[in-house]
Protein backbone atom coordinates (compact mmCIF):
# COMPACT_ATOMS: atom_id res chain seq x y z
CA MET A 1 -19.14 -3.20 14.47
CA SER A 2 -17.89 0.24 13.57
CA ILE A 3 -14.09 0.34 13.27
CA ARG A 4 -11.30 2.62 12.14
CA LEU A 5 -9.56 1.42 8.93
CA PHE A 6 -6.32 2.55 7.22
CA ASP A 7 -5.38 0.48 4.22
CA GLY A 8 -1.95 1.15 2.77
CA HIS A 9 -2.44 -0.05 -0.84
CA CYS A 10 -5.25 -0.39 -3.41
CA ASP A 11 -5.28 -0.20 -7.18
CA THR A 12 -8.79 1.29 -7.34
CA ALA A 13 -7.84 4.46 -9.17
CA PHE A 14 -6.77 2.45 -12.21
CA ALA A 15 -9.80 0.22 -11.97
CA LEU A 16 -12.16 3.23 -11.88
CA TRP A 17 -10.52 4.70 -14.93
CA ARG A 18 -10.37 1.48 -16.90
CA ARG A 19 -14.05 0.57 -16.17
CA LYS A 20 -15.27 4.19 -16.40
CA ALA A 21 -16.77 3.50 -12.94
CA SER A 22 -18.01 5.76 -10.18
CA LEU A 23 -16.20 5.96 -6.83
CA ARG A 24 -19.55 6.35 -5.15
CA GLN A 25 -20.75 2.84 -6.07
CA ASN A 26 -19.24 0.28 -8.39
CA THR A 27 -18.32 -3.37 -8.89
CA CYS A 28 -14.70 -2.85 -7.71
CA HIS A 29 -13.44 -3.89 -4.32
CA VAL A 30 -13.46 -0.34 -3.07
CA ASP A 31 -16.21 2.34 -3.24
CA LEU A 32 -17.75 4.93 -0.91
CA CYS A 33 -20.86 2.82 -0.18
CA LYS A 34 -18.67 -0.09 1.00
CA ALA A 35 -16.70 2.33 3.13
CA SER A 36 -19.72 3.83 4.83
CA ALA A 37 -19.71 1.39 7.74
CA PHE A 38 -16.32 2.49 9.04
CA LYS A 39 -16.09 4.91 11.85
CA ALA A 40 -12.99 6.37 10.18
CA TYR A 41 -11.22 5.40 6.97
CA ALA A 42 -8.01 6.35 5.23
CA GLN A 43 -6.89 4.75 1.94
CA VAL A 44 -3.70 4.88 -0.06
CA PHE A 45 -4.48 4.85 -3.76
CA ALA A 46 -1.55 3.46 -5.80
CA PHE A 47 -0.72 4.37 -9.42
CA CYS A 48 1.16 1.52 -11.08
CA SER A 49 3.49 1.58 -14.15
CA HIS A 50 1.90 -1.66 -15.42
CA ALA A 51 5.12 -2.13 -17.26
CA GLY A 52 4.62 -5.85 -17.69
CA LEU A 53 1.02 -5.83 -18.94
CA ARG A 54 0.88 -6.49 -22.69
CA ARG A 55 -2.21 -4.41 -23.18
CA TYR A 56 -0.41 -1.22 -22.05
CA ARG A 57 3.10 -1.75 -23.35
CA SER A 58 2.58 0.70 -26.18
CA TRP A 59 1.61 3.41 -23.67
CA LYS A 60 3.95 6.07 -22.36
CA PRO A 61 4.47 5.19 -18.69
CA GLU A 62 3.46 8.73 -17.60
CA GLU A 63 -0.01 8.08 -19.16
CA MET A 64 -0.43 5.33 -16.58
CA LEU A 65 -0.20 8.02 -13.95
CA LEU A 66 -1.85 11.07 -15.40
CA LEU A 67 -5.05 9.57 -16.81
CA PRO A 68 -6.10 7.54 -13.71
CA LEU A 69 -5.04 10.37 -11.45
CA GLU A 70 -7.28 12.83 -13.25
CA LYS A 71 -10.12 10.31 -12.99
CA LEU A 72 -9.61 9.96 -9.21
CA ARG A 73 -9.45 13.67 -8.76
CA GLN A 74 -12.74 14.13 -10.62
CA GLU A 75 -14.42 11.50 -8.52
CA ILE A 76 -13.19 12.97 -5.29
CA LEU A 77 -14.35 16.41 -6.36
CA GLN A 78 -17.75 15.02 -7.20
CA ASN A 79 -17.94 13.32 -3.82
CA ALA A 80 -16.39 16.05 -1.74
CA ASP A 81 -19.02 15.43 0.99
CA SER A 82 -17.48 12.04 1.67
CA ILE A 83 -13.80 12.07 0.68
CA ALA A 84 -10.83 14.44 0.52
CA PHE A 85 -7.12 14.21 -0.09
CA ALA A 86 -4.56 14.08 2.76
CA GLN A 87 -0.80 13.71 3.08
CA THR A 88 0.09 13.91 6.81
CA LYS A 89 -1.10 12.45 10.06
CA GLU A 90 -2.73 15.77 10.93
CA GLU A 91 -4.57 15.97 7.64
CA ILE A 92 -5.74 12.37 7.95
CA SER A 93 -7.10 13.09 11.41
CA ALA A 94 -8.77 16.29 10.16
CA ARG A 95 -10.50 14.48 7.21
CA ASN A 96 -11.76 11.69 9.53
CA ALA A 97 -12.93 14.24 12.14
CA GLU A 98 -15.02 15.78 9.34
CA HIS A 99 -16.52 12.35 8.74
CA LYS A 100 -14.68 12.13 5.42
CA ILE A 101 -12.42 9.46 3.95
CA ALA A 102 -8.75 10.49 3.81
CA ALA A 103 -7.33 9.70 0.36
CA LEU A 104 -3.55 9.37 0.02
CA LEU A 105 -1.51 8.87 -3.14
CA SER A 106 1.37 6.54 -3.89
CA ILE A 107 3.47 5.35 -6.88
CA GLU A 108 3.90 1.71 -7.66
CA GLY A 109 6.76 1.68 -10.21
CA PRO A 110 8.58 5.04 -10.70
CA GLU A 111 8.66 4.46 -14.39
CA VAL A 112 5.60 6.72 -14.46
CA ILE A 113 7.99 9.61 -13.67
CA GLY A 114 10.92 8.28 -15.67
CA CYS A 115 12.66 7.02 -12.47
CA ASP A 116 13.92 10.58 -12.24
CA PRO A 117 14.91 11.93 -8.79
CA ASP A 118 14.39 15.40 -10.11
CA ARG A 119 10.70 14.70 -10.76
CA LEU A 120 10.01 13.96 -7.10
CA GLU A 121 9.46 17.61 -6.13
CA TRP A 122 6.73 17.74 -8.81
CA LEU A 123 5.34 14.42 -7.51
CA ARG A 124 5.09 15.84 -3.99
CA GLN A 125 3.37 18.93 -5.32
CA GLN A 126 0.72 16.60 -6.90
CA GLY A 127 0.05 15.26 -3.41
CA PHE A 128 2.01 11.96 -3.53
CA CYS A 129 3.53 10.81 -0.25
CA MET A 130 4.78 7.27 -0.97
CA THR A 131 6.56 5.37 -3.75
CA THR A 132 8.02 1.93 -4.43
CA LEU A 133 11.35 1.65 -6.19
CA THR A 134 10.18 -1.00 -8.68
CA TRP A 135 7.10 -2.84 -9.78
CA ASN A 136 7.52 -6.29 -11.36
CA ALA A 137 10.43 -5.40 -13.63
CA ASP A 138 13.96 -4.11 -13.07
CA ASN A 139 14.56 -0.50 -13.77
CA SER A 140 17.30 2.14 -13.56
CA LEU A 141 16.85 2.41 -9.78
CA ALA A 142 16.87 -1.18 -8.56
CA GLY A 143 16.04 -4.81 -9.26
CA SER A 144 12.48 -6.07 -8.78
CA HIS A 145 11.67 -9.06 -6.46
CA GLN A 146 12.20 -11.40 -9.43
CA SER A 147 15.91 -10.48 -9.74
CA ASP A 148 19.21 -10.25 -7.83
CA ILE A 149 19.98 -6.63 -8.83
CA GLY A 150 20.69 -4.20 -6.02
CA LEU A 151 20.15 -0.44 -5.63
CA THR A 152 21.97 1.52 -8.36
CA ASP A 153 23.65 4.91 -7.86
CA ARG A 154 20.60 6.47 -9.41
CA GLY A 155 18.47 4.46 -6.99
CA ARG A 156 20.43 5.84 -4.01
CA ALA A 157 19.95 9.33 -5.31
CA PHE A 158 16.23 8.61 -5.70
CA VAL A 159 15.94 7.40 -2.10
CA ARG A 160 17.80 10.54 -0.83
CA ALA A 161 15.50 12.79 -2.83
CA CYS A 162 12.40 10.90 -1.62
CA GLN A 163 13.40 11.42 1.95
CA GLU A 164 14.28 15.02 1.47
CA GLN A 165 10.79 15.60 -0.04
CA GLY A 166 9.07 13.67 2.74
CA ILE A 167 7.99 10.78 0.43
CA LEU A 168 7.97 7.36 2.16
CA VAL A 169 9.92 4.64 0.39
CA ASP A 170 7.92 1.36 0.02
CA VAL A 171 9.94 -1.81 -0.39
CA SER A 172 7.10 -3.99 -1.77
CA HIS A 173 8.20 -5.45 -5.15
CA LEU A 174 11.90 -4.78 -4.41
CA SER A 175 14.63 -7.34 -4.84
CA GLU A 176 16.16 -8.71 -1.59
CA ARG A 177 19.59 -7.38 -2.54
CA ALA A 178 18.16 -3.95 -3.23
CA PHE A 179 16.29 -4.12 0.06
CA TRP A 180 19.50 -4.49 1.99
CA ASP A 181 21.17 -1.77 -0.02
CA LEU A 182 18.26 0.48 0.97
CA ILE A 183 18.60 -0.41 4.60
CA SER A 184 22.21 0.69 4.51
CA VAL A 185 21.34 4.16 3.19
CA THR A 186 17.91 5.04 4.59
CA GLU A 187 17.71 7.85 7.07
CA LYS A 188 13.92 7.59 7.59
CA PRO A 189 11.40 4.86 8.35
CA ILE A 190 10.52 2.64 5.37
CA LEU A 191 7.53 0.40 4.80
CA ALA A 192 6.31 -2.60 2.94
CA SER A 193 2.82 -1.45 2.12
CA HIS A 194 1.54 -4.81 0.82
CA SER A 195 3.80 -7.84 1.46
CA ASN A 196 3.45 -10.98 3.57
CA CYS A 197 5.70 -13.52 5.31
CA ARG A 198 8.13 -15.76 3.33
CA ALA A 199 8.44 -18.10 6.33
CA LEU A 200 4.83 -19.04 5.73
CA ARG A 201 4.63 -18.70 1.94
CA ASN A 202 7.87 -18.97 -0.01
CA VAL A 203 7.33 -16.51 -2.87
CA THR A 204 9.66 -13.58 -3.75
CA ARG A 205 7.00 -10.97 -3.06
CA ASN A 206 6.96 -11.94 0.62
CA LEU A 207 9.55 -10.89 3.19
CA THR A 208 12.02 -12.91 5.20
CA ASP A 209 12.05 -12.64 8.96
CA ASP A 210 15.31 -10.56 8.71
CA GLN A 211 13.59 -8.17 6.37
CA LEU A 212 10.51 -7.87 8.59
CA ARG A 213 12.73 -7.12 11.52
CA ALA A 214 14.80 -4.57 9.66
CA ILE A 215 11.69 -2.60 8.60
CA SER A 216 10.43 -2.44 12.14
CA GLU A 217 13.88 -1.23 13.32
CA THR A 218 13.64 1.74 10.98
CA GLY A 219 10.31 2.64 12.60
CA GLY A 220 8.31 1.48 9.61
CA THR A 221 5.37 -0.89 8.98
CA VAL A 222 4.55 -4.02 7.13
CA GLY A 223 1.08 -4.25 5.57
CA LEU A 224 -0.83 -7.56 5.31
CA ASN A 225 -1.62 -8.36 1.63
CA LEU A 226 -4.87 -10.10 0.81
CA TYR A 227 -3.71 -11.72 -2.50
CA THR A 228 -4.09 -15.48 -2.14
CA ASP A 229 -0.88 -16.17 -4.14
CA PHE A 230 1.07 -14.57 -1.31
CA LEU A 231 -0.91 -16.36 1.48
CA GLY A 232 -0.97 -20.02 0.50
CA GLU A 233 -3.43 -22.60 -0.62
CA LYS A 234 -7.01 -22.50 0.69
CA ALA A 235 -6.42 -19.03 2.09
CA ASP A 236 -9.06 -17.87 4.59
CA PHE A 237 -9.21 -15.77 7.69
CA SER A 238 -7.15 -18.36 9.61
CA VAL A 239 -4.32 -18.08 7.09
CA LEU A 240 -4.49 -14.27 7.19
CA ARG A 241 -4.24 -14.53 10.98
CA GLU A 242 -1.17 -16.77 10.70
CA HIS A 243 0.66 -14.16 8.60
CA LEU A 244 -0.49 -11.43 10.93
CA GLU A 245 0.65 -13.24 14.04
CA HIS A 246 4.04 -13.96 12.43
CA MET A 247 4.40 -10.26 11.62
CA LEU A 248 3.50 -9.34 15.20
CA THR A 249 6.03 -11.85 16.60
CA ILE A 250 8.87 -10.49 14.40
CA CYS A 251 8.02 -6.82 14.14
CA GLY A 252 6.06 -5.99 17.33
CA GLU A 253 2.61 -4.58 17.59
CA ASP A 254 3.58 -0.98 16.63
CA HIS A 255 4.85 -1.99 13.13
CA VAL A 256 2.07 -4.18 11.64
CA ALA A 257 -0.58 -2.71 9.38
CA LEU A 258 -2.89 -3.47 6.41
CA GLY A 259 -2.26 -3.20 2.71
CA GLY A 260 -4.92 -5.27 1.03
CA ASP A 261 -3.94 -4.83 -2.65
CA LEU A 262 -7.68 -4.49 -3.31
CA ASP A 263 -8.59 -4.06 -7.02
CA GLY A 264 -5.03 -5.17 -7.73
CA CYS A 265 -5.56 -8.87 -7.09
CA ASP A 266 -8.02 -11.25 -8.77
CA SER A 267 -8.23 -13.76 -5.94
CA LEU A 268 -9.08 -12.97 -2.27
CA PRO A 269 -9.23 -15.32 0.77
CA ASP A 270 -12.44 -17.15 1.53
CA GLY A 271 -14.68 -14.82 3.43
CA PHE A 272 -13.20 -11.73 1.91
CA SER A 273 -15.21 -10.17 -0.96
CA ASP A 274 -14.37 -6.46 -0.91
CA LEU A 275 -13.42 -3.58 1.36
CA SER A 276 -16.42 -4.12 3.72
CA SER A 277 -15.03 -7.58 4.64
CA TYR A 278 -12.38 -5.89 6.83
CA SER A 279 -15.17 -5.63 9.43
CA ASP A 280 -15.60 -9.44 9.31
CA PHE A 281 -11.82 -9.96 9.60
CA TYR A 282 -11.70 -7.58 12.60
CA ARG A 283 -14.50 -9.51 14.23
CA ASP A 284 -12.65 -12.79 13.59
CA LEU A 285 -9.49 -11.48 15.22
CA SER A 286 -11.49 -10.14 18.16
CA HIS A 287 -13.00 -13.56 18.74
CA ALA A 288 -9.48 -15.04 18.56
CA GLY A 289 -8.50 -12.91 21.49
CA TYR A 290 -6.97 -9.74 19.92
CA SER A 291 -7.64 -6.72 22.11
CA GLU A 292 -9.38 -3.55 20.88
CA GLU A 293 -6.16 -1.60 21.49
CA LEU A 294 -4.09 -4.00 19.39
CA LEU A 295 -6.64 -4.17 16.63
CA ASP A 296 -6.87 -0.38 16.43
CA LYS A 297 -3.05 -0.30 15.99
CA ILE A 298 -3.09 -2.85 13.22
CA PHE A 299 -6.25 -1.53 11.48
CA TYR A 300 -5.48 2.20 11.69
CA LEU A 301 -3.05 3.78 14.13
CA ASN A 302 0.29 2.28 13.05
CA LEU A 303 -0.09 3.53 9.52
CA GLN A 304 -1.43 6.92 10.63
CA ASN A 305 1.58 7.38 12.87
CA LEU A 306 3.99 6.59 10.00
CA PHE A 307 2.68 9.61 8.14
């Protein structure tokens, strides 16, 4: 079954750099060989501050961006027959029409640019089109999902600068208080690139029904995360489907997408081994009665339209 796939979040760039691996074929969740079965494929590659990982605490945060970014650029250059960068809906469509993967760039934890609104123009020039406001720690912009800190004045300035630069604001990892502060100031659609439903799994990385509804009302999307800690015990395709159906009920079919967190999570649902398993999940949903039109929205079109 050949499908179109647009995944809103993976940590593969860092995994490639850390393992000195090839994008063409590797032991990560994502590589070009695993992607070859898809009719069209777009992938957002995230660059994380890793502020909480002991191994990298002595590193300058910007190193966590520049070194993996250079590795990804080299890999894309070496595989230019199969993959190329994109930033907009039109560029995504053009890459896929050329039978190439569309590679997009995002920031997960703005510590990698010093949480500096003035650095966003440079970030856009580097090809980035999305950023979170936090990772798993509070910063000068906002509180993370583990705290009750809201959006700071600097955070509000950062959001304004993002939206002036055409950079999407991603609420994954954000505190609930900061989320509602963001809702009060945003002038553009926002998204949760890789977050699930708190009504089904009560963890702070998941979103309440009110948050899900608010994202859809901005015109944004919510991306289904594959990490089992955010899904529940004995996670499998049926549990994934429960979260997906809840999102559809709250958000509507034009605002639900995929954000697998591949190569950023060490535990996937039963039946999911890597990128290629999206085809199996698509087949499972089709057997459950999802139409081709709805599946294409979830698996590709909704995220493409957001860009």
